[in-house]
Amino acid sequence: MKLLLKQLTLFAFIAACVTNTSLVYAATELTIIGSGACLPMPHRRHPGNLLRVNDQRFLVDSGPGTIHSLAMLGVQPDQLSGAFYTHFHHDHVGDLANIIGWFQAVIWHDHFIRLNKEIHD
């Protein structure tokens, strides 16, 4: 648990530096999306966290099922400012490809909406 708290403090520090925010005034909130292990558990999801520092949100790990948990929380891909990974074991990066695909789907959707509007205007 102490190691986890040290890592999360480091992530909050990095996020504050990236966003040019003073840690003294940073409003920080951590949502634990999943805290399970590498084997599936019926009542726990694989590791994933949503770290909010002021108005920015960072994904910390994205184990399998993270994308569905984010959708259930109402988080859209354009609301994420970045992602951090504690290490590259499958249970921490299993949804990385889905997260990337999610971003691409939003970009293409926006592109087709603009294109369709230009055609019909």
N, C-alpha and C. Protein backbone atom coordinates (compact mmCIF):
# COMPACT_ATOMS: atom_id res chain seq x y z
N MET A 1 0.82 -1.19 0.00
CA MET A 1 0.00 0.00 0.00
C MET A 1 0.87 1.26 0.00
N LYS A 2 1.99 1.23 0.76
CA LYS A 2 2.88 2.39 0.80
C LYS A 2 3.46 2.68 -0.58
N LEU A 3 3.81 1.60 -1.31
CA LEU A 3 4.36 1.78 -2.65
C LEU A 3 3.32 2.41 -3.56
N LEU A 4 2.07 1.97 -3.46
CA LEU A 4 0.99 2.54 -4.27
C LEU A 4 0.83 4.02 -3.97
N LEU A 5 0.84 4.40 -2.70
CA LEU A 5 0.69 5.81 -2.34
C LEU A 5 1.86 6.64 -2.85
N LYS A 6 3.08 6.07 -2.81
CA LYS A 6 4.24 6.79 -3.34
C LYS A 6 4.10 6.97 -4.85
N GLN A 7 3.64 5.93 -5.55
CA GLN A 7 3.46 6.03 -7.00
C GLN A 7 2.39 7.07 -7.34
N LEU A 8 1.29 7.06 -6.61
CA LEU A 8 0.21 8.01 -6.90
C LEU A 8 0.64 9.44 -6.60
N THR A 9 1.44 9.62 -5.55
CA THR A 9 1.98 10.95 -5.26
C THR A 9 2.88 11.41 -6.40
N LEU A 10 3.69 10.49 -6.91
CA LEU A 10 4.55 10.81 -8.05
C LEU A 10 3.71 11.19 -9.26
N PHE A 11 2.63 10.43 -9.53
CA PHE A 11 1.76 10.74 -10.67
C PHE A 11 1.11 12.11 -10.50
N ALA A 12 0.68 12.43 -9.29
CA ALA A 12 0.07 13.74 -9.05
C ALA A 12 1.10 14.85 -9.28
N PHE A 13 2.33 14.61 -8.84
CA PHE A 13 3.40 15.59 -9.06
C PHE A 13 3.66 15.77 -10.55
N ILE A 14 3.79 14.66 -11.29
CA ILE A 14 4.03 14.74 -12.73
C ILE A 14 2.87 15.45 -13.42
N ALA A 15 1.64 15.09 -13.06
CA ALA A 15 0.47 15.71 -13.67
C ALA A 15 0.46 17.21 -13.40
N ALA A 16 0.81 17.60 -12.19
CA ALA A 16 0.85 19.04 -11.86
C ALA A 16 1.92 19.74 -12.67
N CYS A 17 3.06 19.10 -12.85
CA CYS A 17 4.14 19.70 -13.65
C CYS A 17 3.72 19.84 -15.10
N VAL A 18 3.08 18.80 -15.63
CA VAL A 18 2.66 18.81 -17.03
C VAL A 18 1.64 19.91 -17.26
N THR A 19 0.78 20.15 -16.29
CA THR A 19 -0.30 21.12 -16.46
C THR A 19 0.07 22.50 -15.92
N ASN A 20 1.35 22.69 -15.53
CA ASN A 20 1.81 23.96 -14.97
C ASN A 20 0.96 24.39 -13.78
N THR A 21 0.66 23.46 -12.93
CA THR A 21 -0.19 23.71 -11.78
C THR A 21 0.63 23.56 -10.51
N SER A 22 0.46 24.44 -9.58
CA SER A 22 1.13 24.31 -8.30
C SER A 22 0.47 23.21 -7.49
N LEU A 23 1.27 22.32 -6.91
CA LEU A 23 0.72 21.24 -6.09
C LEU A 23 -0.01 21.77 -4.87
N VAL A 24 0.40 22.94 -4.40
CA VAL A 24 -0.23 23.51 -3.21
C VAL A 24 -1.71 23.78 -3.47
N TYR A 25 -2.03 24.19 -4.69
CA TYR A 25 -3.40 24.57 -5.01
C TYR A 25 -4.13 23.55 -5.87
N ALA A 26 -3.49 22.42 -6.14
CA ALA A 26 -4.09 21.42 -7.03
C ALA A 26 -5.21 20.67 -6.31
N ALA A 27 -6.37 20.63 -6.95
CA ALA A 27 -7.47 19.81 -6.47
C ALA A 27 -7.28 18.43 -7.09
N THR A 28 -6.96 17.45 -6.26
CA THR A 28 -6.63 16.12 -6.76
C THR A 28 -7.65 15.11 -6.28
N GLU A 29 -8.09 14.26 -7.21
CA GLU A 29 -9.06 13.22 -6.89
C GLU A 29 -8.65 11.94 -7.62
N LEU A 30 -8.68 10.83 -6.92
CA LEU A 30 -8.34 9.55 -7.53
C LEU A 30 -9.57 8.65 -7.51
N THR A 31 -9.96 8.16 -8.67
CA THR A 31 -11.05 7.20 -8.79
C THR A 31 -10.43 5.85 -9.14
N ILE A 32 -10.60 4.88 -8.27
CA ILE A 32 -10.07 3.55 -8.53
C ILE A 32 -11.09 2.80 -9.38
N ILE A 33 -10.73 2.55 -10.62
CA ILE A 33 -11.61 1.87 -11.56
C ILE A 33 -11.54 0.37 -11.35
N GLY A 34 -10.34 -0.13 -11.09
CA GLY A 34 -10.16 -1.55 -10.84
C GLY A 34 -8.95 -1.77 -9.97
N SER A 35 -9.03 -2.79 -9.12
CA SER A 35 -7.91 -3.08 -8.22
C SER A 35 -7.65 -4.58 -8.12
N GLY A 36 -8.11 -5.31 -9.12
CA GLY A 36 -7.91 -6.75 -9.11
C GLY A 36 -6.50 -7.14 -9.53
N ALA A 37 -6.28 -8.42 -9.61
CA ALA A 37 -4.97 -8.96 -9.99
C ALA A 37 -5.04 -9.48 -11.43
N CYS A 38 -4.00 -10.22 -11.82
CA CYS A 38 -3.93 -10.68 -13.21
C CYS A 38 -4.98 -11.74 -13.54
N LEU A 39 -5.50 -12.43 -12.54
CA LEU A 39 -6.55 -13.42 -12.79
C LEU A 39 -7.91 -12.77 -12.61
N PRO A 40 -8.87 -13.08 -13.48
CA PRO A 40 -10.20 -12.48 -13.36
C PRO A 40 -10.87 -12.82 -12.03
N MET A 41 -11.53 -11.83 -11.46
CA MET A 41 -12.28 -12.01 -10.22
C MET A 41 -13.71 -11.53 -10.47
N PRO A 42 -14.68 -12.22 -9.94
CA PRO A 42 -16.07 -11.86 -10.24
C PRO A 42 -16.49 -10.46 -9.79
N HIS A 43 -15.90 -9.93 -8.73
CA HIS A 43 -16.36 -8.64 -8.19
C HIS A 43 -15.30 -7.56 -8.23
N ARG A 44 -14.20 -7.80 -8.98
CA ARG A 44 -13.15 -6.79 -9.09
C ARG A 44 -12.65 -6.73 -10.52
N ARG A 45 -12.40 -5.54 -11.00
CA ARG A 45 -11.86 -5.34 -12.34
C ARG A 45 -10.34 -5.28 -12.27
N HIS A 46 -9.71 -5.42 -13.44
CA HIS A 46 -8.26 -5.32 -13.52
C HIS A 46 -7.82 -3.89 -13.19
N PRO A 47 -6.53 -3.68 -12.88
CA PRO A 47 -6.05 -2.36 -12.45
C PRO A 47 -6.35 -1.23 -13.43
N GLY A 48 -6.83 -0.15 -12.88
CA GLY A 48 -7.08 1.06 -13.64
C GLY A 48 -7.48 2.16 -12.68
N ASN A 49 -7.00 3.36 -12.92
CA ASN A 49 -7.31 4.51 -12.06
C ASN A 49 -7.52 5.74 -12.92
N LEU A 50 -8.35 6.63 -12.43
CA LEU A 50 -8.58 7.91 -13.08
C LEU A 50 -8.12 8.99 -12.10
N LEU A 51 -7.06 9.70 -12.46
CA LEU A 51 -6.49 10.74 -11.61
C LEU A 51 -6.91 12.09 -12.15
N ARG A 52 -7.59 12.88 -11.30
CA ARG A 52 -7.98 14.23 -11.70
C ARG A 52 -7.13 15.23 -10.93
N VAL A 53 -6.48 16.12 -11.66
CA VAL A 53 -5.71 17.23 -11.07
C VAL A 53 -6.31 18.49 -11.67
N ASN A 54 -7.01 19.24 -10.80
CA ASN A 54 -7.77 20.42 -11.24
C ASN A 54 -8.73 20.01 -12.36
N ASP A 55 -8.62 20.58 -13.54
CA ASP A 55 -9.58 20.28 -14.61
C ASP A 55 -9.09 19.21 -15.57
N GLN A 56 -7.97 18.58 -15.27
CA GLN A 56 -7.44 17.58 -16.19
C GLN A 56 -7.54 16.19 -15.59
N ARG A 57 -7.79 15.21 -16.49
CA ARG A 57 -7.92 13.81 -16.06
C ARG A 57 -6.84 12.98 -16.73
N PHE A 58 -6.23 12.10 -15.94
CA PHE A 58 -5.19 11.22 -16.43
C PHE A 58 -5.56 9.78 -16.11
N LEU A 59 -5.36 8.91 -17.06
CA LEU A 59 -5.59 7.50 -16.86
C LEU A 59 -4.29 6.89 -16.32
N VAL A 60 -4.39 6.15 -15.23
CA VAL A 60 -3.22 5.47 -14.66
C VAL A 60 -3.50 3.97 -14.76
N ASP A 61 -2.86 3.33 -15.71
CA ASP A 61 -3.06 1.92 -16.05
C ASP A 61 -4.43 1.72 -16.71
N SER A 62 -4.51 0.72 -17.55
CA SER A 62 -5.78 0.40 -18.21
C SER A 62 -5.86 -1.10 -18.45
N GLY A 63 -6.10 -1.82 -17.37
CA GLY A 63 -6.27 -3.27 -17.47
C GLY A 63 -7.53 -3.60 -18.25
N PRO A 64 -7.71 -4.87 -18.64
CA PRO A 64 -8.89 -5.26 -19.40
C PRO A 64 -10.18 -4.80 -18.71
N GLY A 65 -11.06 -4.19 -19.49
CA GLY A 65 -12.34 -3.70 -18.97
C GLY A 65 -12.34 -2.24 -18.58
N THR A 66 -11.18 -1.59 -18.61
CA THR A 66 -11.10 -0.19 -18.20
C THR A 66 -11.97 0.71 -19.08
N ILE A 67 -11.97 0.44 -20.37
CA ILE A 67 -12.74 1.30 -21.29
C ILE A 67 -14.24 1.25 -20.97
N HIS A 68 -14.73 0.08 -20.57
CA HIS A 68 -16.14 -0.02 -20.20
C HIS A 68 -16.41 0.70 -18.89
N SER A 69 -15.47 0.61 -17.96
CA SER A 69 -15.62 1.32 -16.68
C SER A 69 -15.63 2.83 -16.89
N LEU A 70 -14.76 3.33 -17.78
CA LEU A 70 -14.74 4.76 -18.08
C LEU A 70 -16.08 5.19 -18.69
N ALA A 71 -16.60 4.37 -19.60
CA ALA A 71 -17.90 4.68 -20.22
C ALA A 71 -19.00 4.71 -19.17
N MET A 72 -18.96 3.76 -18.21
CA MET A 72 -19.97 3.74 -17.15
C MET A 72 -19.86 4.96 -16.25
N LEU A 73 -18.65 5.51 -16.11
CA LEU A 73 -18.44 6.73 -15.32
C LEU A 73 -18.79 7.99 -16.11
N GLY A 74 -19.07 7.83 -17.41
CA GLY A 74 -19.41 8.97 -18.25
C GLY A 74 -18.20 9.73 -18.77
N VAL A 75 -17.03 9.11 -18.73
CA VAL A 75 -15.80 9.75 -19.20
C VAL A 75 -15.64 9.49 -20.69
N GLN A 76 -15.46 10.55 -21.46
CA GLN A 76 -15.24 10.46 -22.90
C GLN A 76 -13.75 10.59 -23.19
N PRO A 77 -13.28 10.05 -24.32
CA PRO A 77 -11.84 10.10 -24.61
C PRO A 77 -11.28 11.51 -24.67
N ASP A 78 -12.06 12.46 -25.14
CA ASP A 78 -11.54 13.82 -25.24
C ASP A 78 -11.43 14.51 -23.88
N GLN A 79 -11.90 13.85 -22.82
CA GLN A 79 -11.77 14.40 -21.48
C GLN A 79 -10.47 13.95 -20.80
N LEU A 80 -9.72 13.04 -21.43
CA LEU A 80 -8.45 12.57 -20.87
C LEU A 80 -7.30 13.43 -21.38
N SER A 81 -6.45 13.85 -20.47
CA SER A 81 -5.29 14.67 -20.84
C SER A 81 -4.06 13.83 -21.12
N GLY A 82 -4.06 12.59 -20.66
CA GLY A 82 -2.91 11.72 -20.87
C GLY A 82 -3.07 10.43 -20.10
N ALA A 83 -2.05 9.59 -20.19
CA ALA A 83 -2.08 8.30 -19.50
C ALA A 83 -0.70 7.97 -18.96
N PHE A 84 -0.68 7.29 -17.86
CA PHE A 84 0.55 6.80 -17.24
C PHE A 84 0.41 5.30 -17.05
N TYR A 85 1.52 4.59 -17.16
CA TYR A 85 1.51 3.15 -16.92
C TYR A 85 2.58 2.82 -15.90
N THR A 86 2.16 2.11 -14.84
CA THR A 86 3.10 1.76 -13.77
C THR A 86 4.10 0.73 -14.24
N HIS A 87 3.66 -0.21 -15.06
CA HIS A 87 4.52 -1.21 -15.68
C HIS A 87 3.73 -1.88 -16.80
N PHE A 88 4.38 -2.71 -17.56
CA PHE A 88 3.76 -3.21 -18.78
C PHE A 88 3.33 -4.67 -18.71
N HIS A 89 2.79 -5.09 -17.58
CA HIS A 89 2.17 -6.41 -17.50
C HIS A 89 0.77 -6.33 -18.11
N HIS A 90 0.30 -7.45 -18.63
CA HIS A 90 -0.98 -7.47 -19.33
C HIS A 90 -2.13 -6.92 -18.48
N ASP A 91 -2.13 -7.23 -17.18
CA ASP A 91 -3.25 -6.77 -16.36
C ASP A 91 -3.25 -5.26 -16.15
N HIS A 92 -2.19 -4.57 -16.55
CA HIS A 92 -2.14 -3.11 -16.44
C HIS A 92 -2.27 -2.40 -17.79
N VAL A 93 -2.02 -3.10 -18.89
CA VAL A 93 -2.08 -2.47 -20.22
C VAL A 93 -3.04 -3.20 -21.16
N GLY A 94 -3.81 -4.14 -20.64
CA GLY A 94 -4.66 -4.98 -21.49
C GLY A 94 -5.67 -4.23 -22.33
N ASP A 95 -6.10 -3.05 -21.91
CA ASP A 95 -7.07 -2.27 -22.68
C ASP A 95 -6.43 -1.12 -23.45
N LEU A 96 -5.10 -1.08 -23.51
CA LEU A 96 -4.42 0.02 -24.19
C LEU A 96 -4.84 0.12 -25.65
N ALA A 97 -4.90 -1.01 -26.35
CA ALA A 97 -5.32 -0.99 -27.76
C ALA A 97 -6.75 -0.45 -27.90
N ASN A 98 -7.63 -0.84 -26.98
CA ASN A 98 -9.01 -0.34 -27.02
C ASN A 98 -9.07 1.16 -26.74
N ILE A 99 -8.23 1.64 -25.83
CA ILE A 99 -8.18 3.08 -25.54
C ILE A 99 -7.74 3.85 -26.78
N ILE A 100 -6.70 3.35 -27.45
CA ILE A 100 -6.23 4.00 -28.68
C ILE A 100 -7.33 3.98 -29.74
N GLY A 101 -7.99 2.84 -29.90
CA GLY A 101 -9.09 2.74 -30.86
C GLY A 101 -10.23 3.68 -30.52
N TRP A 102 -10.49 3.87 -29.25
CA TRP A 102 -11.54 4.77 -28.78
C TRP A 102 -11.23 6.19 -29.23
N PHE A 103 -9.98 6.62 -29.05
CA PHE A 103 -9.56 7.95 -29.51
C PHE A 103 -9.73 8.08 -31.02
N GLN A 104 -9.29 7.06 -31.76
CA GLN A 104 -9.39 7.11 -33.22
C GLN A 104 -10.85 7.17 -33.66
N ALA A 105 -11.72 6.43 -33.01
CA ALA A 105 -13.14 6.44 -33.36
C ALA A 105 -13.73 7.83 -33.18
N VAL A 106 -13.37 8.50 -32.11
CA VAL A 106 -13.87 9.86 -31.86
C VAL A 106 -13.35 10.81 -32.92
N ILE A 107 -12.06 10.69 -33.27
CA ILE A 107 -11.48 11.57 -34.29
C ILE A 107 -12.18 11.35 -35.63
N TRP A 108 -12.36 10.08 -36.04
CA TRP A 108 -13.03 9.80 -37.32
C TRP A 108 -14.49 10.23 -37.29
N HIS A 109 -15.15 10.03 -36.17
CA HIS A 109 -16.56 10.44 -36.06
C HIS A 109 -16.67 11.95 -36.27
N ASP A 110 -15.81 12.71 -35.59
CA ASP A 110 -15.83 14.17 -35.74
C ASP A 110 -15.52 14.58 -37.18
N HIS A 111 -14.57 13.87 -37.81
CA HIS A 111 -14.21 14.17 -39.20
C HIS A 111 -15.41 13.95 -40.12
N PHE A 112 -16.11 12.83 -39.98
CA PHE A 112 -17.25 12.54 -40.84
C PHE A 112 -18.42 13.49 -40.58
N ILE A 113 -18.61 13.91 -39.34
CA ILE A 113 -19.66 14.88 -39.03
C ILE A 113 -19.38 16.20 -39.76
N ARG A 114 -18.11 16.68 -39.68
CA ARG A 114 -17.74 17.92 -40.37
C ARG A 114 -17.88 17.77 -41.89
N LEU A 115 -17.42 16.63 -42.42
CA LEU A 115 -17.51 16.39 -43.85
C LEU A 115 -18.96 16.36 -44.32
N ASN A 116 -19.81 15.68 -43.58
CA ASN A 116 -21.23 15.61 -43.91
C ASN A 116 -21.87 16.99 -43.87
N LYS A 117 -21.49 17.80 -42.88
CA LYS A 117 -22.03 19.14 -42.77
C LYS A 117 -21.60 20.01 -43.97
N GLU A 118 -20.32 19.87 -44.38
CA GLU A 118 -19.82 20.63 -45.52
C GLU A 118 -20.55 20.23 -46.81
N ILE A 119 -20.85 18.97 -46.98
CA ILE A 119 -21.54 18.49 -48.17
C ILE A 119 -22.95 19.03 -48.22
N HIS A 120 -23.63 19.08 -47.08
CA HIS A 120 -25.03 19.49 -47.06
C HIS A 120 -25.25 20.99 -46.90
N ASP A 121 -24.19 21.73 -46.63
CA ASP A 121 -24.34 23.20 -46.47
C ASP A 121 -24.17 23.93 -47.77
